[in-house]
Amino acid sequence: MPHFLVENDLQCRDGLVVTTGFDSAWTNQGTVYYLNLLDTGAGAFRFPKSVKIKGRVLSTDVLPRGVLYVTTHEVNIFDPTTGKSLLGKAVVSESLVTADNGDTLYAFAQDDGALYRIDKNAATATRLTEGKIKLDGKDVPRALEVTGDRVTLLGAQHVIGFD
């Protein structure tokens, strides 16, 4: 029997952002997560097809232009008017760590070895590193910290600082 669960809800100007998880013993894929907008006036979802998101939702934040969501594998900004991504392409990685610094969110994506800056007000993502940053061995990113003008990536065996 399929299993549905409501993970999170968040009020924005256009309605209620709802994230759900679907786990089916028949597909053996684990839980699959979706995001949609509930029009509270009409009592129905605004978009006929929910947006499939990668990973479990860790946080959401209503921004001037959309809704920022951070999952275990993805960072993106959902446009509640169109149902599309304001970033164009999400920041995605099997090992993703983020650090919030007010109007800016930093994200390190292990898969492409890049550090990104997400401007929350402009709803843009900028890759800050040119080459691929790789942690040696089987080390994976554990945390990202922001202090002043420095972003620090922490692994179990590595510490990398970015200006």
N, C-alpha and C. Protein backbone atom coordinates (compact mmCIF):
# COMPACT_ATOMS: atom_id res chain seq x y z
N MET A 1 0.85 -1.17 0.00
CA MET A 1 0.00 0.00 0.00
C MET A 1 0.89 1.24 0.00
N PRO A 2 0.70 2.18 -0.93
CA PRO A 2 1.48 3.41 -0.93
C PRO A 2 1.24 4.21 0.34
N HIS A 3 2.25 4.96 0.73
CA HIS A 3 2.19 5.74 1.95
C HIS A 3 2.48 7.20 1.62
N PHE A 4 1.56 8.11 1.93
CA PHE A 4 1.74 9.53 1.71
C PHE A 4 1.96 10.21 3.06
N LEU A 5 2.80 11.23 3.07
CA LEU A 5 2.96 12.02 4.28
C LEU A 5 3.21 13.47 3.91
N VAL A 6 2.61 14.37 4.66
CA VAL A 6 2.85 15.79 4.46
C VAL A 6 4.08 16.13 5.28
N GLU A 7 5.12 16.62 4.61
CA GLU A 7 6.39 16.92 5.26
C GLU A 7 6.41 18.32 5.87
N ASN A 8 5.84 19.29 5.17
CA ASN A 8 6.05 20.68 5.56
C ASN A 8 4.98 21.53 4.89
N ASP A 9 4.63 22.64 5.49
CA ASP A 9 3.79 23.60 4.81
C ASP A 9 4.23 25.00 5.22
N LEU A 10 4.06 25.96 4.31
CA LEU A 10 4.58 27.30 4.50
C LEU A 10 3.67 28.28 3.76
N GLN A 11 3.18 29.27 4.47
CA GLN A 11 2.30 30.27 3.87
C GLN A 11 3.12 31.30 3.10
N CYS A 12 2.72 31.55 1.85
CA CYS A 12 3.32 32.63 1.06
C CYS A 12 2.17 33.45 0.47
N ARG A 13 2.50 34.50 -0.26
CA ARG A 13 1.46 35.41 -0.75
C ARG A 13 0.45 34.74 -1.69
N ASP A 14 0.87 33.67 -2.38
CA ASP A 14 0.01 33.02 -3.36
C ASP A 14 -0.72 31.80 -2.84
N GLY A 15 -0.48 31.43 -1.59
CA GLY A 15 -1.15 30.26 -1.03
C GLY A 15 -0.25 29.55 -0.03
N LEU A 16 -0.48 28.28 0.11
CA LEU A 16 0.24 27.45 1.06
C LEU A 16 1.15 26.50 0.30
N VAL A 17 2.47 26.61 0.51
CA VAL A 17 3.42 25.71 -0.13
C VAL A 17 3.39 24.40 0.66
N VAL A 18 3.13 23.31 -0.04
CA VAL A 18 3.01 22.01 0.61
C VAL A 18 4.05 21.06 0.01
N THR A 19 4.82 20.42 0.88
CA THR A 19 5.74 19.38 0.43
C THR A 19 5.24 18.05 0.97
N THR A 20 5.27 17.05 0.14
CA THR A 20 4.78 15.74 0.51
C THR A 20 5.80 14.68 0.16
N GLY A 21 5.70 13.56 0.81
CA GLY A 21 6.53 12.41 0.50
C GLY A 21 5.66 11.23 0.17
N PHE A 22 6.11 10.42 -0.76
CA PHE A 22 5.38 9.25 -1.19
C PHE A 22 6.34 8.07 -1.12
N ASP A 23 5.98 7.07 -0.35
CA ASP A 23 6.82 5.88 -0.22
C ASP A 23 5.97 4.68 -0.60
N SER A 24 6.45 3.91 -1.54
CA SER A 24 5.72 2.73 -1.97
C SER A 24 6.61 1.50 -1.84
N ALA A 25 6.10 0.50 -1.18
CA ALA A 25 6.84 -0.76 -1.05
C ALA A 25 6.98 -1.45 -2.41
N TRP A 26 6.13 -1.07 -3.36
CA TRP A 26 6.13 -1.71 -4.68
C TRP A 26 7.24 -1.19 -5.58
N THR A 27 7.67 0.05 -5.40
CA THR A 27 8.69 0.62 -6.30
C THR A 27 10.11 0.43 -5.78
N ASN A 28 10.28 0.22 -4.48
CA ASN A 28 11.60 0.03 -3.87
C ASN A 28 12.53 1.22 -4.14
N GLN A 29 11.99 2.42 -4.28
CA GLN A 29 12.80 3.62 -4.53
C GLN A 29 12.97 4.46 -3.28
N GLY A 30 12.39 4.07 -2.18
CA GLY A 30 12.41 4.91 -0.99
C GLY A 30 11.38 6.02 -1.15
N THR A 31 11.46 7.01 -0.31
CA THR A 31 10.49 8.09 -0.35
C THR A 31 10.84 9.07 -1.47
N VAL A 32 9.83 9.45 -2.25
CA VAL A 32 9.96 10.43 -3.32
C VAL A 32 9.21 11.68 -2.83
N TYR A 33 9.81 12.86 -2.99
CA TYR A 33 9.25 14.09 -2.44
C TYR A 33 8.75 15.01 -3.54
N TYR A 34 7.67 15.75 -3.22
CA TYR A 34 7.05 16.67 -4.17
C TYR A 34 6.71 17.99 -3.48
N LEU A 35 6.58 19.04 -4.29
CA LEU A 35 6.24 20.37 -3.80
C LEU A 35 5.14 20.93 -4.69
N ASN A 36 4.13 21.58 -4.09
CA ASN A 36 3.06 22.20 -4.86
C ASN A 36 2.52 23.37 -4.04
N LEU A 37 1.64 24.15 -4.65
CA LEU A 37 1.04 25.31 -4.00
C LEU A 37 -0.45 25.07 -3.85
N LEU A 38 -0.93 25.15 -2.63
CA LEU A 38 -2.36 24.99 -2.36
C LEU A 38 -3.00 26.36 -2.37
N ASP A 39 -3.91 26.58 -3.30
CA ASP A 39 -4.68 27.83 -3.35
C ASP A 39 -5.76 27.69 -2.28
N THR A 40 -5.57 28.38 -1.15
CA THR A 40 -6.49 28.21 -0.02
C THR A 40 -7.89 28.74 -0.32
N GLY A 41 -8.00 29.72 -1.22
CA GLY A 41 -9.31 30.24 -1.60
C GLY A 41 -10.11 29.23 -2.41
N ALA A 42 -9.45 28.57 -3.35
CA ALA A 42 -10.11 27.59 -4.21
C ALA A 42 -10.14 26.19 -3.58
N GLY A 43 -9.26 25.98 -2.60
CA GLY A 43 -9.21 24.66 -1.95
C GLY A 43 -8.63 23.59 -2.85
N ALA A 44 -7.71 23.98 -3.75
CA ALA A 44 -7.12 23.01 -4.69
C ALA A 44 -5.67 23.39 -4.97
N PHE A 45 -4.92 22.41 -5.44
CA PHE A 45 -3.56 22.70 -5.84
C PHE A 45 -3.56 23.57 -7.09
N ARG A 46 -2.64 24.54 -7.14
CA ARG A 46 -2.57 25.46 -8.27
C ARG A 46 -2.03 24.76 -9.53
N PHE A 47 -1.09 23.85 -9.36
CA PHE A 47 -0.45 23.21 -10.51
C PHE A 47 -0.92 21.76 -10.62
N PRO A 48 -1.31 21.34 -11.84
CA PRO A 48 -1.83 19.98 -12.00
C PRO A 48 -0.79 18.91 -11.66
N LYS A 49 0.49 19.23 -11.84
CA LYS A 49 1.55 18.27 -11.55
C LYS A 49 2.50 18.90 -10.53
N SER A 50 2.72 18.21 -9.42
CA SER A 50 3.63 18.70 -8.39
C SER A 50 5.07 18.64 -8.89
N VAL A 51 5.92 19.50 -8.33
CA VAL A 51 7.33 19.53 -8.67
C VAL A 51 8.04 18.43 -7.88
N LYS A 52 8.73 17.53 -8.59
CA LYS A 52 9.49 16.48 -7.92
C LYS A 52 10.80 17.09 -7.44
N ILE A 53 11.11 16.90 -6.16
CA ILE A 53 12.34 17.45 -5.60
C ILE A 53 13.22 16.29 -5.12
N LYS A 54 14.51 16.56 -5.09
CA LYS A 54 15.47 15.54 -4.69
C LYS A 54 15.78 15.67 -3.20
N GLY A 55 15.52 14.63 -2.45
CA GLY A 55 15.86 14.61 -1.04
C GLY A 55 14.74 15.09 -0.13
N ARG A 56 14.98 14.90 1.16
CA ARG A 56 14.02 15.30 2.20
C ARG A 56 14.20 16.78 2.50
N VAL A 57 13.10 17.50 2.64
CA VAL A 57 13.14 18.94 2.88
C VAL A 57 13.72 19.22 4.27
N LEU A 58 14.75 20.08 4.30
CA LEU A 58 15.37 20.49 5.56
C LEU A 58 14.86 21.86 6.00
N SER A 59 14.68 22.77 5.02
CA SER A 59 14.18 24.11 5.38
C SER A 59 13.54 24.77 4.17
N THR A 60 12.64 25.70 4.47
CA THR A 60 12.01 26.53 3.45
C THR A 60 12.00 27.97 3.95
N ASP A 61 12.01 28.91 3.01
CA ASP A 61 12.06 30.32 3.36
C ASP A 61 11.30 31.12 2.30
N VAL A 62 10.30 31.89 2.71
CA VAL A 62 9.57 32.74 1.76
C VAL A 62 10.45 33.94 1.44
N LEU A 63 10.70 34.13 0.14
CA LEU A 63 11.53 35.23 -0.35
C LEU A 63 10.64 36.21 -1.11
N PRO A 64 11.16 37.40 -1.44
CA PRO A 64 10.37 38.35 -2.22
C PRO A 64 9.88 37.79 -3.56
N ARG A 65 10.67 36.92 -4.20
CA ARG A 65 10.31 36.42 -5.53
C ARG A 65 9.85 34.97 -5.55
N GLY A 66 9.96 34.25 -4.44
CA GLY A 66 9.59 32.84 -4.46
C GLY A 66 9.83 32.18 -3.12
N VAL A 67 9.97 30.86 -3.15
CA VAL A 67 10.19 30.08 -1.93
C VAL A 67 11.48 29.29 -2.10
N LEU A 68 12.46 29.60 -1.25
CA LEU A 68 13.72 28.87 -1.23
C LEU A 68 13.50 27.59 -0.47
N TYR A 69 13.93 26.46 -1.05
CA TYR A 69 13.89 25.22 -0.29
C TYR A 69 15.25 24.54 -0.35
N VAL A 70 15.62 23.97 0.79
CA VAL A 70 16.87 23.23 0.92
C VAL A 70 16.50 21.82 1.34
N THR A 71 16.99 20.85 0.57
CA THR A 71 16.75 19.45 0.91
C THR A 71 18.09 18.78 1.20
N THR A 72 18.05 17.51 1.47
CA THR A 72 19.29 16.77 1.70
C THR A 72 20.15 16.67 0.45
N HIS A 73 19.55 16.95 -0.75
CA HIS A 73 20.29 16.82 -2.01
C HIS A 73 20.11 18.00 -2.98
N GLU A 74 19.38 19.03 -2.60
CA GLU A 74 19.05 20.08 -3.58
C GLU A 74 18.78 21.42 -2.90
N VAL A 75 19.18 22.50 -3.60
CA VAL A 75 18.81 23.86 -3.23
C VAL A 75 18.17 24.48 -4.46
N ASN A 76 17.01 25.11 -4.28
CA ASN A 76 16.33 25.73 -5.41
C ASN A 76 15.36 26.79 -4.89
N ILE A 77 14.87 27.61 -5.82
CA ILE A 77 13.86 28.62 -5.48
C ILE A 77 12.64 28.36 -6.38
N PHE A 78 11.54 28.04 -5.74
CA PHE A 78 10.28 27.71 -6.39
C PHE A 78 9.50 28.99 -6.65
N ASP A 79 9.06 29.19 -7.89
CA ASP A 79 8.24 30.35 -8.24
C ASP A 79 6.77 29.97 -8.05
N PRO A 80 6.08 30.53 -7.04
CA PRO A 80 4.70 30.14 -6.78
C PRO A 80 3.72 30.61 -7.85
N THR A 81 4.16 31.48 -8.73
CA THR A 81 3.28 31.94 -9.82
C THR A 81 3.26 30.95 -10.98
N THR A 82 4.44 30.40 -11.32
CA THR A 82 4.55 29.52 -12.48
C THR A 82 4.76 28.05 -12.13
N GLY A 83 5.25 27.78 -10.90
CA GLY A 83 5.57 26.42 -10.52
C GLY A 83 6.94 25.97 -11.00
N LYS A 84 7.69 26.88 -11.59
CA LYS A 84 9.02 26.56 -12.14
C LYS A 84 10.12 27.03 -11.19
N SER A 85 11.35 26.68 -11.54
CA SER A 85 12.52 27.10 -10.77
C SER A 85 12.95 28.49 -11.18
N LEU A 86 13.18 29.37 -10.20
CA LEU A 86 13.71 30.70 -10.50
C LEU A 86 15.21 30.65 -10.75
N LEU A 87 15.88 29.62 -10.25
CA LEU A 87 17.31 29.50 -10.47
C LEU A 87 17.63 28.92 -11.85
N GLY A 88 16.62 28.40 -12.53
CA GLY A 88 16.87 27.74 -13.81
C GLY A 88 17.29 26.31 -13.54
N LYS A 89 18.50 26.15 -13.06
CA LYS A 89 19.02 24.83 -12.70
C LYS A 89 19.30 24.81 -11.21
N ALA A 90 18.76 23.82 -10.52
CA ALA A 90 18.96 23.68 -9.08
C ALA A 90 20.42 23.31 -8.79
N VAL A 91 20.86 23.62 -7.58
CA VAL A 91 22.15 23.13 -7.10
C VAL A 91 21.86 21.76 -6.51
N VAL A 92 22.45 20.71 -7.11
CA VAL A 92 22.11 19.34 -6.75
C VAL A 92 23.38 18.54 -6.47
N SER A 93 23.33 17.70 -5.44
CA SER A 93 24.46 16.83 -5.13
C SER A 93 24.01 15.75 -4.15
N GLU A 94 24.62 14.59 -4.24
CA GLU A 94 24.35 13.54 -3.25
C GLU A 94 24.85 13.95 -1.87
N SER A 95 25.95 14.73 -1.84
CA SER A 95 26.47 15.28 -0.59
C SER A 95 26.43 16.80 -0.71
N LEU A 96 25.45 17.42 -0.08
CA LEU A 96 25.23 18.86 -0.17
C LEU A 96 25.24 19.45 1.23
N VAL A 97 26.02 20.51 1.41
CA VAL A 97 26.00 21.23 2.68
C VAL A 97 25.75 22.70 2.38
N THR A 98 25.06 23.38 3.31
CA THR A 98 24.70 24.78 3.11
C THR A 98 24.99 25.58 4.37
N ALA A 99 25.11 26.90 4.17
CA ALA A 99 25.26 27.84 5.29
C ALA A 99 24.49 29.09 4.93
N ASP A 100 23.61 29.51 5.82
CA ASP A 100 22.79 30.70 5.61
C ASP A 100 23.49 31.91 6.23
N ASN A 101 23.54 33.00 5.44
CA ASN A 101 24.18 34.22 5.91
C ASN A 101 23.27 35.42 5.60
N GLY A 102 22.04 35.38 6.13
CA GLY A 102 21.10 36.48 5.91
C GLY A 102 20.50 36.45 4.52
N ASP A 103 20.87 37.41 3.67
CA ASP A 103 20.34 37.49 2.31
C ASP A 103 21.05 36.56 1.34
N THR A 104 22.03 35.80 1.82
CA THR A 104 22.82 34.91 0.98
C THR A 104 22.84 33.51 1.59
N LEU A 105 22.71 32.51 0.73
CA LEU A 105 22.87 31.13 1.14
C LEU A 105 24.05 30.58 0.35
N TYR A 106 24.98 29.94 1.04
CA TYR A 106 26.10 29.28 0.37
C TYR A 106 25.83 27.79 0.35
N ALA A 107 26.22 27.13 -0.75
CA ALA A 107 26.03 25.69 -0.88
C ALA A 107 27.27 25.08 -1.53
N PHE A 108 27.72 23.98 -0.98
CA PHE A 108 28.81 23.22 -1.59
C PHE A 108 28.23 21.91 -2.09
N ALA A 109 28.42 21.65 -3.40
CA ALA A 109 27.92 20.44 -4.03
C ALA A 109 29.10 19.51 -4.31
N GLN A 110 29.16 18.41 -3.59
CA GLN A 110 30.27 17.46 -3.73
C GLN A 110 30.33 16.89 -5.15
N ASP A 111 29.18 16.64 -5.79
CA ASP A 111 29.18 16.00 -7.10
C ASP A 111 29.97 16.78 -8.14
N ASP A 112 29.80 18.10 -8.19
CA ASP A 112 30.57 18.88 -9.16
C ASP A 112 31.72 19.66 -8.50
N GLY A 113 31.89 19.49 -7.19
CA GLY A 113 33.00 20.10 -6.47
C GLY A 113 32.99 21.61 -6.48
N ALA A 114 31.80 22.21 -6.44
CA ALA A 114 31.67 23.66 -6.57
C ALA A 114 31.01 24.29 -5.36
N LEU A 115 31.44 25.52 -5.09
CA LEU A 115 30.81 26.35 -4.07
C LEU A 115 29.91 27.35 -4.78
N TYR A 116 28.66 27.47 -4.33
CA TYR A 116 27.68 28.38 -4.94
C TYR A 116 27.23 29.42 -3.93
N ARG A 117 26.91 30.61 -4.46
CA ARG A 117 26.29 31.67 -3.66
C ARG A 117 24.91 31.89 -4.23
N ILE A 118 23.89 31.76 -3.38
CA ILE A 118 22.51 31.99 -3.80
C ILE A 118 22.07 33.32 -3.20
N ASP A 119 21.77 34.28 -4.06
CA ASP A 119 21.27 35.59 -3.63
C ASP A 119 19.77 35.44 -3.47
N LYS A 120 19.30 35.51 -2.24
CA LYS A 120 17.89 35.27 -1.96
C LYS A 120 16.99 36.35 -2.55
N ASN A 121 17.41 37.60 -2.54
CA ASN A 121 16.57 38.69 -3.06
C ASN A 121 16.49 38.68 -4.58
N ALA A 122 17.60 38.40 -5.24
CA ALA A 122 17.62 38.38 -6.71
C ALA A 122 17.19 37.02 -7.27
N ALA A 123 17.14 36.00 -6.42
CA ALA A 123 16.81 34.63 -6.83
C ALA A 123 17.77 34.14 -7.92
N THR A 124 19.08 34.27 -7.62
CA THR A 124 20.11 33.83 -8.56
C THR A 124 21.13 32.96 -7.83
N ALA A 125 21.75 32.07 -8.58
CA ALA A 125 22.83 31.24 -8.06
C ALA A 125 24.07 31.49 -8.89
N THR A 126 25.21 31.71 -8.22
CA THR A 126 26.47 31.96 -8.89
C THR A 126 27.49 30.94 -8.42
N ARG A 127 28.15 30.30 -9.37
CA ARG A 127 29.24 29.38 -9.02
C ARG A 127 30.45 30.22 -8.68
N LEU A 128 31.03 30.01 -7.50
CA LEU A 128 32.15 30.82 -7.03
C LEU A 128 33.51 30.18 -7.31
N THR A 129 33.56 28.88 -7.49
CA THR A 129 34.83 28.20 -7.74
C THR A 129 34.95 27.85 -9.21
N GLU A 130 36.19 27.93 -9.73
CA GLU A 130 36.42 27.62 -11.14
C GLU A 130 36.63 26.13 -11.36
N GLY A 131 37.56 25.55 -10.61
CA GLY A 131 37.84 24.12 -10.75
C GLY A 131 36.98 23.30 -9.83
N LYS A 132 37.24 22.00 -9.85
CA LYS A 132 36.50 21.08 -8.98
C LYS A 132 37.27 20.91 -7.67
N ILE A 133 36.61 21.18 -6.55
CA ILE A 133 37.19 20.97 -5.23
C ILE A 133 36.85 19.53 -4.83
N LYS A 134 37.88 18.73 -4.55
CA LYS A 134 37.65 17.33 -4.21
C LYS A 134 38.30 17.02 -2.88
N LEU A 135 37.52 16.40 -2.01
CA LEU A 135 38.04 15.93 -0.74
C LEU A 135 38.67 14.56 -0.98
N ASP A 136 39.88 14.33 -0.46
CA ASP A 136 40.59 13.08 -0.70
C ASP A 136 39.94 11.90 0.01
N GLY A 137 40.22 10.73 -0.51
CA GLY A 137 39.72 9.50 0.09
C GLY A 137 38.21 9.43 0.02
N LYS A 138 37.63 8.93 1.08
CA LYS A 138 36.17 8.79 1.13
C LYS A 138 35.53 9.90 1.95
N ASP A 139 36.29 10.98 2.19
CA ASP A 139 35.77 12.10 2.98
C ASP A 139 34.63 12.79 2.22
N VAL A 140 33.60 13.17 2.95
CA VAL A 140 32.48 13.90 2.37
C VAL A 140 32.27 15.19 3.16
N PRO A 141 31.68 16.20 2.54
CA PRO A 141 31.41 17.44 3.27
C PRO A 141 30.46 17.18 4.43
N ARG A 142 30.78 17.78 5.58
CA ARG A 142 29.94 17.60 6.76
C ARG A 142 29.23 18.89 7.15
N ALA A 143 29.89 20.03 6.88
CA ALA A 143 29.30 21.31 7.27
C ALA A 143 29.94 22.42 6.44
N LEU A 144 29.24 23.54 6.38
CA LEU A 144 29.72 24.74 5.72
C LEU A 144 29.46 25.87 6.71
N GLU A 145 30.47 26.71 6.92
CA GLU A 145 30.33 27.82 7.87
C GLU A 145 30.69 29.13 7.19
N VAL A 146 30.02 30.21 7.60
CA VAL A 146 30.31 31.54 7.08
C VAL A 146 30.69 32.43 8.25
N THR A 147 31.86 33.06 8.14
CA THR A 147 32.32 34.01 9.15
C THR A 147 32.92 35.20 8.41
N GLY A 148 32.27 36.35 8.52
CA GLY A 148 32.77 37.53 7.81
C GLY A 148 32.80 37.29 6.31
N ASP A 149 34.00 37.44 5.71
CA ASP A 149 34.17 37.24 4.27
C ASP A 149 34.70 35.85 3.93
N ARG A 150 34.68 34.94 4.88
CA ARG A 150 35.23 33.60 4.65
C ARG A 150 34.13 32.55 4.76
N VAL A 151 34.17 31.61 3.80
CA VAL A 151 33.31 30.43 3.83
C VAL A 151 34.23 29.24 4.05
N THR A 152 33.92 28.40 5.03
CA THR A 152 34.76 27.27 5.38
C THR A 152 33.99 25.97 5.20
N LEU A 153 34.58 25.06 4.43
CA LEU A 153 34.02 23.73 4.20
C LEU A 153 34.71 22.76 5.15
N LEU A 154 33.90 21.98 5.88
CA LEU A 154 34.44 21.03 6.84
C LEU A 154 34.07 19.61 6.44
N GLY A 155 35.09 18.77 6.39
CA GLY A 155 34.90 17.33 6.21
C GLY A 155 35.42 16.66 7.46
N ALA A 156 35.39 15.34 7.51
CA ALA A 156 35.92 14.63 8.68
C ALA A 156 37.44 14.78 8.75
N GLN A 157 38.09 14.88 7.57
CA GLN A 157 39.54 14.96 7.53
C GLN A 157 40.07 16.23 6.86
N HIS A 158 39.20 17.09 6.37
CA HIS A 158 39.62 18.25 5.60
C HIS A 158 38.93 19.53 6.10
N VAL A 159 39.65 20.63 5.97
CA VAL A 159 39.09 21.96 6.20
C VAL A 159 39.57 22.80 5.04
N ILE A 160 38.62 23.42 4.31
CA ILE A 160 38.97 24.24 3.14
C ILE A 160 38.32 25.59 3.33
N GLY A 161 39.11 26.66 3.21
CA GLY A 161 38.61 28.02 3.36
C GLY A 161 38.53 28.73 2.02
N PHE A 162 37.45 29.49 1.83
CA PHE A 162 37.25 30.28 0.62
C PHE A 162 37.08 31.74 1.03
N ASP A 163 37.73 32.65 0.30
CA ASP A 163 37.55 34.09 0.54
C ASP A 163 36.33 34.57 -0.20
